């Protein structure tokens, strides 16, 4: 395990030596459900590498604590990892429109129940607004694809297109 962490650190150090090609970001959410008196919290760091002006590869890691799970009516903890390829199809000096195409794997542990493993594969459209040379405001709105027991859509398995409160993310990216 120590060797693997050392290899990851060396690779990240070597890749970060090139200016403006890597980015870090993510989001944090906090939700209070007053109907059932429960609080949910999630943190979703995002990282990536710009291959060129149009393409980037990256991933998102999510850790979520749900004070109330609609399916099991109990507390749950979820972890997910979602690698993606980002295609930027429009960019001017301030605004960039992109598509994140990828898949995600998750595991969710409701209290006093077995783990639930899930996945998603699809496209998330996004918008980046450049705040300065290093920081951008990022939002992803919607999802088109297939989900099966994925932590964001427990009980909503299937395929389709959706734009709702569960499929909107807002965050900040830092390029270095």
N, C-alpha and C. Protein backbone atom coordinates (compact mmCIF):
# COMPACT_ATOMS: atom_id res chain seq x y z
N UNK A 1 0.82 -1.19 0.00
CA UNK A 1 0.00 0.00 0.00
C UNK A 1 0.87 1.26 0.00
N UNK A 2 1.95 1.25 0.80
CA UNK A 2 2.84 2.41 0.85
C UNK A 2 3.51 2.63 -0.50
N UNK A 3 3.88 1.54 -1.17
CA UNK A 3 4.51 1.66 -2.49
C UNK A 3 3.53 2.27 -3.49
N UNK A 4 2.29 1.83 -3.43
CA UNK A 4 1.28 2.34 -4.35
C UNK A 4 1.07 3.85 -4.13
N UNK A 5 1.01 4.29 -2.88
CA UNK A 5 0.86 5.71 -2.60
C UNK A 5 2.08 6.50 -3.07
N UNK A 6 3.27 5.93 -2.93
CA UNK A 6 4.48 6.58 -3.40
C UNK A 6 4.47 6.72 -4.92
N UNK A 7 4.04 5.67 -5.62
CA UNK A 7 3.96 5.73 -7.08
C UNK A 7 2.95 6.79 -7.51
N UNK A 8 1.79 6.85 -6.86
CA UNK A 8 0.78 7.86 -7.19
C UNK A 8 1.33 9.26 -6.95
N UNK A 9 2.04 9.47 -5.83
CA UNK A 9 2.60 10.78 -5.53
C UNK A 9 3.64 11.19 -6.57
N UNK A 10 4.48 10.26 -7.00
CA UNK A 10 5.50 10.57 -8.00
C UNK A 10 4.85 10.91 -9.34
N UNK A 11 3.85 10.14 -9.74
CA UNK A 11 3.15 10.40 -11.00
C UNK A 11 2.47 11.77 -10.96
N UNK A 12 1.78 12.08 -9.86
CA UNK A 12 1.11 13.38 -9.75
C UNK A 12 2.11 14.52 -9.76
N UNK A 13 3.25 14.35 -9.11
CA UNK A 13 4.28 15.40 -9.11
C UNK A 13 4.84 15.61 -10.51
N UNK A 14 5.07 14.54 -11.24
CA UNK A 14 5.60 14.65 -12.60
C UNK A 14 4.60 15.31 -13.54
N UNK A 15 3.35 14.93 -13.42
CA UNK A 15 2.31 15.49 -14.30
C UNK A 15 2.04 16.95 -13.96
N UNK A 16 2.10 17.32 -12.68
CA UNK A 16 1.79 18.70 -12.28
C UNK A 16 2.90 19.68 -12.63
N UNK A 17 4.02 19.19 -13.10
CA UNK A 17 5.11 20.08 -13.49
C UNK A 17 4.76 20.90 -14.72
N UNK A 18 3.78 20.47 -15.50
CA UNK A 18 3.36 21.21 -16.68
C UNK A 18 2.26 22.19 -16.28
N UNK A 19 2.42 23.47 -16.64
CA UNK A 19 1.50 24.51 -16.19
C UNK A 19 0.14 24.41 -16.86
N UNK A 20 -0.90 24.74 -16.10
CA UNK A 20 -2.28 24.86 -16.56
C UNK A 20 -2.83 23.59 -17.22
N UNK A 21 -2.34 22.44 -16.87
CA UNK A 21 -2.85 21.23 -17.48
C UNK A 21 -3.64 20.36 -16.52
N UNK A 22 -3.42 20.51 -15.24
CA UNK A 22 -4.18 19.74 -14.27
C UNK A 22 -5.20 20.65 -13.59
N UNK A 23 -6.28 20.04 -13.11
CA UNK A 23 -7.25 20.81 -12.35
C UNK A 23 -7.76 19.99 -11.17
N UNK A 24 -8.11 20.71 -10.12
CA UNK A 24 -8.71 20.14 -8.92
C UNK A 24 -9.95 20.96 -8.61
N UNK A 25 -10.94 20.31 -8.08
CA UNK A 25 -12.15 21.03 -7.74
C UNK A 25 -13.09 20.13 -6.97
N UNK A 26 -14.35 20.41 -7.10
CA UNK A 26 -15.34 19.58 -6.45
C UNK A 26 -16.41 20.40 -5.79
N UNK A 27 -17.19 19.71 -4.99
CA UNK A 27 -18.28 20.38 -4.32
C UNK A 27 -18.61 19.74 -2.99
N UNK A 28 -19.38 20.47 -2.22
CA UNK A 28 -19.85 20.02 -0.92
C UNK A 28 -21.35 20.28 -0.88
N UNK A 29 -22.11 19.34 -0.35
CA UNK A 29 -23.54 19.59 -0.21
C UNK A 29 -23.99 19.27 1.21
N UNK A 30 -24.96 20.00 1.66
CA UNK A 30 -25.57 19.81 2.97
C UNK A 30 -27.06 20.00 2.79
N UNK A 31 -27.85 19.03 3.22
CA UNK A 31 -29.29 19.10 3.05
C UNK A 31 -29.99 18.69 4.33
N UNK A 32 -30.93 19.48 4.76
CA UNK A 32 -31.71 19.20 5.97
C UNK A 32 -33.13 18.88 5.54
N UNK A 33 -33.59 17.65 5.80
CA UNK A 33 -34.95 17.22 5.47
C UNK A 33 -35.81 17.44 6.72
N UNK A 34 -36.60 18.48 6.70
CA UNK A 34 -37.41 18.81 7.87
C UNK A 34 -38.60 17.87 8.05
N UNK A 35 -39.02 17.17 6.98
CA UNK A 35 -40.15 16.24 7.09
C UNK A 35 -39.82 15.06 7.99
N UNK A 36 -38.58 14.56 7.93
CA UNK A 36 -38.19 13.40 8.73
C UNK A 36 -37.10 13.74 9.73
N UNK A 37 -36.76 15.03 9.88
CA UNK A 37 -35.79 15.51 10.85
C UNK A 37 -34.43 14.84 10.70
N UNK A 38 -33.90 14.80 9.48
CA UNK A 38 -32.60 14.19 9.20
C UNK A 38 -31.76 15.12 8.33
N UNK A 39 -30.43 15.00 8.45
CA UNK A 39 -29.49 15.80 7.68
C UNK A 39 -28.62 14.91 6.82
N UNK A 40 -28.33 15.34 5.59
CA UNK A 40 -27.45 14.61 4.68
C UNK A 40 -26.29 15.52 4.30
N UNK A 41 -25.13 14.89 4.06
CA UNK A 41 -23.92 15.64 3.74
C UNK A 41 -23.13 14.84 2.70
N UNK A 42 -22.53 15.54 1.73
CA UNK A 42 -21.64 14.85 0.78
C UNK A 42 -20.50 15.77 0.40
N UNK A 43 -19.38 15.14 0.09
CA UNK A 43 -18.20 15.85 -0.42
C UNK A 43 -17.76 15.11 -1.67
N UNK A 44 -17.53 15.87 -2.75
CA UNK A 44 -17.21 15.25 -4.04
C UNK A 44 -16.03 15.95 -4.70
N UNK A 45 -14.80 15.59 -4.32
CA UNK A 45 -13.64 16.16 -5.00
C UNK A 45 -13.56 15.68 -6.45
N UNK A 46 -13.07 16.56 -7.30
CA UNK A 46 -12.97 16.32 -8.73
C UNK A 46 -11.53 16.63 -9.16
N UNK A 47 -10.97 15.83 -10.04
CA UNK A 47 -9.59 16.04 -10.49
C UNK A 47 -9.51 15.68 -11.96
N UNK A 48 -8.55 16.28 -12.66
CA UNK A 48 -8.42 15.95 -14.07
C UNK A 48 -7.16 16.51 -14.69
N UNK A 49 -6.95 16.12 -15.94
CA UNK A 49 -5.78 16.51 -16.70
C UNK A 49 -6.24 16.92 -18.09
N UNK A 50 -5.90 18.15 -18.49
CA UNK A 50 -6.25 18.64 -19.82
C UNK A 50 -5.27 18.08 -20.84
N UNK A 51 -5.76 17.24 -21.74
CA UNK A 51 -4.91 16.66 -22.78
C UNK A 51 -4.59 17.69 -23.86
N UNK A 52 -5.60 18.50 -24.21
CA UNK A 52 -5.43 19.58 -25.19
C UNK A 52 -6.57 20.57 -24.97
N UNK A 53 -6.82 21.46 -25.94
CA UNK A 53 -7.86 22.48 -25.80
C UNK A 53 -9.27 21.89 -25.69
N UNK A 54 -9.51 20.74 -26.29
CA UNK A 54 -10.85 20.14 -26.35
C UNK A 54 -11.07 18.98 -25.38
N UNK A 55 -10.04 18.21 -25.09
CA UNK A 55 -10.22 16.97 -24.33
C UNK A 55 -9.49 16.99 -22.99
N UNK A 56 -10.14 16.39 -22.01
CA UNK A 56 -9.54 16.20 -20.68
C UNK A 56 -10.00 14.85 -20.16
N UNK A 57 -9.21 14.27 -19.28
CA UNK A 57 -9.62 13.06 -18.57
C UNK A 57 -9.60 13.38 -17.09
N UNK A 58 -10.51 12.78 -16.37
CA UNK A 58 -10.58 13.08 -14.94
C UNK A 58 -11.44 12.09 -14.20
N UNK A 59 -11.76 12.46 -12.99
CA UNK A 59 -12.59 11.61 -12.17
C UNK A 59 -13.16 12.36 -10.99
N UNK A 60 -14.16 11.77 -10.42
CA UNK A 60 -14.81 12.33 -9.24
C UNK A 60 -14.87 11.24 -8.18
N UNK A 61 -14.60 11.61 -6.96
CA UNK A 61 -14.75 10.71 -5.83
C UNK A 61 -15.83 11.30 -4.94
N UNK A 62 -16.73 10.48 -4.47
CA UNK A 62 -17.83 10.98 -3.64
C UNK A 62 -17.91 10.20 -2.33
N UNK A 63 -18.16 10.93 -1.28
CA UNK A 63 -18.42 10.35 0.03
C UNK A 63 -19.67 11.04 0.56
N UNK A 64 -20.70 10.25 0.80
CA UNK A 64 -21.99 10.82 1.20
C UNK A 64 -22.51 10.14 2.46
N UNK A 65 -23.02 10.95 3.35
CA UNK A 65 -23.66 10.47 4.58
C UNK A 65 -25.11 10.94 4.53
N UNK A 66 -26.02 9.99 4.44
CA UNK A 66 -27.44 10.33 4.35
C UNK A 66 -28.11 10.05 5.69
N UNK A 67 -28.69 11.08 6.26
CA UNK A 67 -29.39 10.92 7.51
C UNK A 67 -30.69 10.15 7.34
N UNK A 68 -31.14 10.03 6.09
CA UNK A 68 -32.39 9.33 5.83
C UNK A 68 -32.35 8.79 4.41
N UNK A 69 -32.50 7.51 4.23
CA UNK A 69 -32.50 6.86 2.93
C UNK A 69 -33.94 6.49 2.59
N UNK A 70 -34.47 7.01 1.47
CA UNK A 70 -35.87 6.77 1.10
C UNK A 70 -36.21 5.29 0.96
N UNK A 71 -35.25 4.50 0.47
CA UNK A 71 -35.52 3.09 0.23
C UNK A 71 -35.61 2.31 1.54
N UNK A 72 -34.65 2.54 2.44
CA UNK A 72 -34.57 1.74 3.67
C UNK A 72 -35.04 2.46 4.92
N UNK A 73 -35.34 3.75 4.80
CA UNK A 73 -35.82 4.56 5.93
C UNK A 73 -34.82 4.57 7.09
N UNK A 74 -33.52 4.51 6.77
CA UNK A 74 -32.46 4.52 7.79
C UNK A 74 -31.29 5.38 7.30
N UNK A 75 -30.32 5.58 8.17
CA UNK A 75 -29.10 6.27 7.81
C UNK A 75 -28.27 5.38 6.88
N UNK A 76 -27.49 6.03 5.99
CA UNK A 76 -26.62 5.26 5.10
C UNK A 76 -25.36 6.07 4.79
N UNK A 77 -24.33 5.35 4.39
CA UNK A 77 -23.06 5.93 3.97
C UNK A 77 -22.75 5.39 2.58
N UNK A 78 -22.30 6.27 1.68
CA UNK A 78 -22.01 5.84 0.31
C UNK A 78 -20.64 6.35 -0.13
N UNK A 79 -19.99 5.57 -0.97
CA UNK A 79 -18.72 5.94 -1.59
C UNK A 79 -18.83 5.66 -3.08
N UNK A 80 -18.31 6.56 -3.91
CA UNK A 80 -18.36 6.37 -5.35
C UNK A 80 -17.10 6.92 -6.01
N UNK A 81 -16.75 6.31 -7.13
CA UNK A 81 -15.67 6.82 -7.97
C UNK A 81 -16.19 6.80 -9.40
N UNK A 82 -15.93 7.92 -10.10
CA UNK A 82 -16.50 8.07 -11.44
C UNK A 82 -15.48 8.69 -12.40
N UNK A 83 -14.72 7.88 -13.13
CA UNK A 83 -13.82 8.42 -14.14
C UNK A 83 -14.62 8.91 -15.36
N UNK A 84 -14.05 9.93 -16.05
CA UNK A 84 -14.75 10.47 -17.22
C UNK A 84 -13.76 11.04 -18.23
N UNK A 85 -14.26 11.23 -19.44
CA UNK A 85 -13.57 11.98 -20.49
C UNK A 85 -14.41 13.23 -20.73
N UNK A 86 -13.76 14.39 -20.73
CA UNK A 86 -14.47 15.66 -20.91
C UNK A 86 -14.17 16.22 -22.30
N UNK A 87 -15.23 16.49 -23.06
CA UNK A 87 -15.11 17.10 -24.38
C UNK A 87 -15.67 18.51 -24.31
N UNK A 88 -14.84 19.52 -24.56
CA UNK A 88 -15.27 20.92 -24.59
C UNK A 88 -15.62 21.28 -26.02
N UNK A 89 -16.89 21.59 -26.26
CA UNK A 89 -17.33 21.85 -27.63
C UNK A 89 -17.53 23.32 -27.95
N UNK A 90 -17.47 24.19 -26.95
CA UNK A 90 -17.55 25.63 -27.19
C UNK A 90 -16.74 26.33 -26.11
N UNK A 91 -15.95 27.35 -26.54
CA UNK A 91 -15.20 28.12 -25.56
C UNK A 91 -14.91 29.51 -26.11
N UNK A 92 -15.15 30.51 -25.27
CA UNK A 92 -14.69 31.86 -25.57
C UNK A 92 -13.80 32.29 -24.41
N UNK A 93 -13.56 33.56 -24.22
CA UNK A 93 -12.63 33.99 -23.18
C UNK A 93 -13.15 33.72 -21.76
N UNK A 94 -14.45 33.60 -21.59
CA UNK A 94 -15.02 33.46 -20.25
C UNK A 94 -15.79 32.15 -20.07
N UNK A 95 -16.53 31.72 -21.06
CA UNK A 95 -17.45 30.58 -20.93
C UNK A 95 -16.95 29.38 -21.73
N UNK A 96 -17.10 28.20 -21.13
CA UNK A 96 -16.79 26.94 -21.83
C UNK A 96 -17.94 25.98 -21.59
N UNK A 97 -18.44 25.35 -22.65
CA UNK A 97 -19.47 24.32 -22.56
C UNK A 97 -18.81 22.97 -22.81
N UNK A 98 -19.18 21.96 -22.01
CA UNK A 98 -18.52 20.66 -22.13
C UNK A 98 -19.49 19.52 -21.84
N UNK A 99 -19.06 18.32 -22.20
CA UNK A 99 -19.78 17.08 -21.88
C UNK A 99 -18.82 16.17 -21.13
N UNK A 100 -19.23 15.70 -19.95
CA UNK A 100 -18.47 14.69 -19.22
C UNK A 100 -19.09 13.34 -19.54
N UNK A 101 -18.33 12.49 -20.22
CA UNK A 101 -18.80 11.17 -20.62
C UNK A 101 -18.05 10.14 -19.81
N UNK A 102 -18.77 9.35 -19.02
CA UNK A 102 -18.05 8.39 -18.20
C UNK A 102 -18.94 7.38 -17.52
N UNK A 103 -18.35 6.72 -16.55
CA UNK A 103 -19.08 5.75 -15.77
C UNK A 103 -18.72 5.91 -14.30
N UNK A 104 -19.60 5.46 -13.46
CA UNK A 104 -19.38 5.57 -12.03
C UNK A 104 -19.72 4.27 -11.34
N UNK A 105 -18.98 4.00 -10.29
CA UNK A 105 -19.21 2.81 -9.47
C UNK A 105 -19.42 3.27 -8.04
N UNK A 106 -20.43 2.72 -7.37
CA UNK A 106 -20.70 3.15 -6.00
C UNK A 106 -21.03 1.96 -5.11
N UNK A 107 -20.84 2.18 -3.83
CA UNK A 107 -21.30 1.23 -2.83
C UNK A 107 -21.96 2.03 -1.73
N UNK A 108 -23.08 1.55 -1.28
CA UNK A 108 -23.86 2.24 -0.26
C UNK A 108 -24.14 1.25 0.87
N UNK A 109 -23.99 1.69 2.09
CA UNK A 109 -24.19 0.83 3.26
C UNK A 109 -25.29 1.43 4.14
N UNK A 110 -26.54 0.98 3.95
CA UNK A 110 -27.60 1.40 4.87
C UNK A 110 -27.38 0.74 6.24
N UNK A 111 -27.66 1.46 7.29
CA UNK A 111 -27.48 0.94 8.64
C UNK A 111 -28.33 -0.31 8.83
N UNK A 112 -27.71 -1.38 9.32
CA UNK A 112 -28.35 -2.67 9.60
C UNK A 112 -28.82 -3.41 8.34
N UNK A 113 -28.24 -3.09 7.19
CA UNK A 113 -28.55 -3.77 5.93
C UNK A 113 -27.25 -4.11 5.21
N UNK A 114 -27.32 -4.94 4.17
CA UNK A 114 -26.16 -5.29 3.38
C UNK A 114 -25.77 -4.13 2.46
N UNK A 115 -24.51 -4.15 2.00
CA UNK A 115 -24.04 -3.17 1.03
C UNK A 115 -24.83 -3.28 -0.27
N UNK A 116 -25.02 -2.14 -0.91
CA UNK A 116 -25.66 -2.09 -2.22
C UNK A 116 -24.64 -1.51 -3.19
N UNK A 117 -24.25 -2.28 -4.18
CA UNK A 117 -23.30 -1.82 -5.19
C UNK A 117 -24.06 -1.39 -6.44
N UNK A 118 -23.62 -0.29 -7.04
CA UNK A 118 -24.31 0.20 -8.22
C UNK A 118 -23.35 0.82 -9.21
N UNK A 119 -23.90 1.20 -10.36
CA UNK A 119 -23.09 1.86 -11.38
C UNK A 119 -23.97 2.76 -12.23
N UNK A 120 -23.30 3.65 -12.95
CA UNK A 120 -23.96 4.49 -13.95
C UNK A 120 -23.02 4.63 -15.14
N UNK A 121 -23.60 4.83 -16.30
CA UNK A 121 -22.83 5.13 -17.50
C UNK A 121 -23.65 6.15 -18.28
N UNK A 122 -22.99 7.26 -18.66
CA UNK A 122 -23.74 8.28 -19.36
C UNK A 122 -22.98 9.57 -19.57
N UNK A 123 -23.73 10.62 -19.87
CA UNK A 123 -23.20 11.93 -20.20
C UNK A 123 -23.81 12.98 -19.28
N UNK A 124 -22.95 13.88 -18.80
CA UNK A 124 -23.40 15.01 -17.99
C UNK A 124 -22.94 16.29 -18.67
N UNK A 125 -23.87 17.12 -19.17
CA UNK A 125 -23.47 18.40 -19.77
C UNK A 125 -23.06 19.38 -18.69
N UNK A 126 -22.09 20.26 -19.03
CA UNK A 126 -21.61 21.21 -18.03
C UNK A 126 -21.25 22.56 -18.61
N UNK A 127 -21.03 23.49 -17.69
CA UNK A 127 -20.70 24.87 -18.01
C UNK A 127 -19.59 25.31 -17.08
N UNK A 128 -18.54 25.93 -17.62
CA UNK A 128 -17.45 26.50 -16.82
C UNK A 128 -17.37 27.99 -17.12
N UNK A 129 -17.33 28.80 -16.06
CA UNK A 129 -17.18 30.24 -16.20
C UNK A 129 -15.84 30.60 -15.58
N UNK A 130 -14.96 31.13 -16.40
CA UNK A 130 -13.60 31.47 -15.94
C UNK A 130 -13.66 32.71 -15.06
N UNK A 131 -13.21 32.57 -13.81
CA UNK A 131 -13.18 33.69 -12.87
C UNK A 131 -11.87 34.47 -12.97
N UNK A 132 -10.76 33.76 -13.19
CA UNK A 132 -9.44 34.36 -13.45
C UNK A 132 -8.59 33.29 -14.12
N UNK A 133 -7.27 33.48 -14.16
CA UNK A 133 -6.41 32.53 -14.87
C UNK A 133 -6.40 31.14 -14.23
N UNK A 134 -6.69 31.05 -12.95
CA UNK A 134 -6.60 29.76 -12.25
C UNK A 134 -7.94 29.18 -11.81
N UNK A 135 -8.93 30.01 -11.52
CA UNK A 135 -10.19 29.52 -10.97
C UNK A 135 -11.34 29.61 -11.96
N UNK A 136 -12.19 28.58 -11.94
CA UNK A 136 -13.41 28.56 -12.76
C UNK A 136 -14.58 28.08 -11.92
N UNK A 137 -15.73 28.69 -12.14
CA UNK A 137 -16.99 28.22 -11.57
C UNK A 137 -17.50 27.11 -12.49
N UNK A 138 -17.82 25.95 -11.93
CA UNK A 138 -18.25 24.80 -12.73
C UNK A 138 -19.64 24.37 -12.29
N UNK A 139 -20.49 24.05 -13.25
CA UNK A 139 -21.77 23.44 -12.95
C UNK A 139 -22.06 22.35 -13.97
N UNK A 140 -22.61 21.26 -13.50
CA UNK A 140 -23.07 20.18 -14.36
C UNK A 140 -24.56 20.03 -14.11
N UNK A 141 -25.32 19.99 -15.20
CA UNK A 141 -26.77 19.96 -15.08
C UNK A 141 -27.32 18.80 -15.87
N UNK A 142 -27.95 17.85 -15.19
CA UNK A 142 -28.61 16.75 -15.86
C UNK A 142 -27.75 15.51 -16.02
N UNK A 143 -28.39 14.49 -16.56
CA UNK A 143 -27.74 13.21 -16.81
C UNK A 143 -28.52 12.50 -17.91
N UNK A 144 -27.79 11.92 -18.87
CA UNK A 144 -28.39 11.08 -19.90
C UNK A 144 -27.62 9.78 -19.92
N UNK A 145 -28.29 8.68 -19.66
CA UNK A 145 -27.60 7.39 -19.64
C UNK A 145 -28.37 6.34 -18.87
N UNK A 146 -27.62 5.43 -18.24
CA UNK A 146 -28.19 4.29 -17.53
C UNK A 146 -27.66 4.25 -16.11
N UNK A 147 -28.53 3.99 -15.14
CA UNK A 147 -28.15 3.85 -13.74
C UNK A 147 -28.78 2.59 -13.15
N UNK A 148 -27.99 1.91 -12.32
CA UNK A 148 -28.47 0.72 -11.61
C UNK A 148 -27.97 0.79 -10.17
N UNK A 149 -28.85 1.11 -9.23
CA UNK A 149 -28.53 1.23 -7.80
C UNK A 149 -27.37 2.18 -7.53
N UNK A 150 -27.20 3.21 -8.36
CA UNK A 150 -26.16 4.19 -8.13
C UNK A 150 -26.55 5.04 -6.93
N UNK A 151 -25.60 5.46 -6.14
CA UNK A 151 -25.89 6.10 -4.86
C UNK A 151 -26.75 7.36 -4.98
N UNK A 152 -26.69 8.06 -6.10
CA UNK A 152 -27.51 9.27 -6.28
C UNK A 152 -28.93 8.96 -6.69
N UNK A 153 -29.20 7.74 -7.11
CA UNK A 153 -30.53 7.43 -7.66
C UNK A 153 -31.07 6.12 -7.12
N UNK A 154 -30.85 5.84 -5.85
CA UNK A 154 -31.31 4.58 -5.26
C UNK A 154 -32.80 4.38 -5.54
N UNK A 155 -33.16 3.26 -6.09
CA UNK A 155 -34.55 2.95 -6.38
C UNK A 155 -35.03 3.49 -7.72
N UNK A 156 -34.21 4.26 -8.42
CA UNK A 156 -34.59 4.82 -9.72
C UNK A 156 -33.72 4.22 -10.80
N UNK A 157 -33.74 2.90 -10.93
CA UNK A 157 -32.92 2.20 -11.91
C UNK A 157 -33.53 2.34 -13.30
N UNK A 158 -32.65 2.38 -14.31
CA UNK A 158 -33.12 2.44 -15.68
C UNK A 158 -32.31 3.40 -16.50
N UNK A 159 -32.83 3.75 -17.66
CA UNK A 159 -32.12 4.65 -18.55
C UNK A 159 -33.02 5.80 -18.94
N UNK A 160 -32.41 6.87 -19.39
CA UNK A 160 -33.18 8.03 -19.82
C UNK A 160 -32.40 9.31 -19.68
N UNK A 161 -33.13 10.41 -19.71
CA UNK A 161 -32.59 11.75 -19.57
C UNK A 161 -33.32 12.42 -18.42
N UNK A 162 -32.55 13.08 -17.55
CA UNK A 162 -33.18 13.74 -16.42
C UNK A 162 -32.47 15.04 -16.08
N UNK A 163 -33.24 16.02 -15.69
CA UNK A 163 -32.73 17.26 -15.13
C UNK A 163 -33.59 17.55 -13.91
N UNK A 164 -33.03 17.27 -12.73
CA UNK A 164 -33.74 17.55 -11.49
C UNK A 164 -32.74 17.94 -10.42
N UNK A 165 -33.20 18.19 -9.23
CA UNK A 165 -32.34 18.63 -8.14
C UNK A 165 -31.25 17.66 -7.76
N UNK A 166 -31.42 16.37 -8.06
CA UNK A 166 -30.41 15.37 -7.75
C UNK A 166 -29.31 15.31 -8.79
N UNK A 167 -29.50 15.97 -9.92
CA UNK A 167 -28.53 15.90 -11.02
C UNK A 167 -27.94 17.27 -11.37
N UNK A 168 -27.83 18.13 -10.38
CA UNK A 168 -27.21 19.43 -10.55
C UNK A 168 -26.05 19.52 -9.57
N UNK A 169 -24.87 19.86 -10.07
CA UNK A 169 -23.73 20.07 -9.17
C UNK A 169 -23.09 21.40 -9.46
N UNK A 170 -22.62 22.05 -8.42
CA UNK A 170 -21.99 23.35 -8.51
C UNK A 170 -20.67 23.28 -7.75
N UNK A 171 -19.62 23.83 -8.34
CA UNK A 171 -18.34 23.80 -7.65
C UNK A 171 -17.34 24.78 -8.25
N UNK A 172 -16.12 24.70 -7.78
CA UNK A 172 -15.02 25.54 -8.23
C UNK A 172 -13.87 24.62 -8.66
N UNK A 173 -13.23 24.93 -9.79
CA UNK A 173 -12.04 24.22 -10.24
C UNK A 173 -10.85 25.15 -10.16
N UNK A 174 -9.72 24.58 -9.78
CA UNK A 174 -8.46 25.30 -9.75
C UNK A 174 -7.50 24.64 -10.71
N UNK A 175 -7.03 25.38 -11.72
CA UNK A 175 -6.08 24.84 -12.71
C UNK A 175 -4.67 25.23 -12.33
N UNK A 176 -3.77 24.27 -12.44
CA UNK A 176 -2.35 24.55 -12.16
C UNK A 176 -1.46 23.81 -13.12
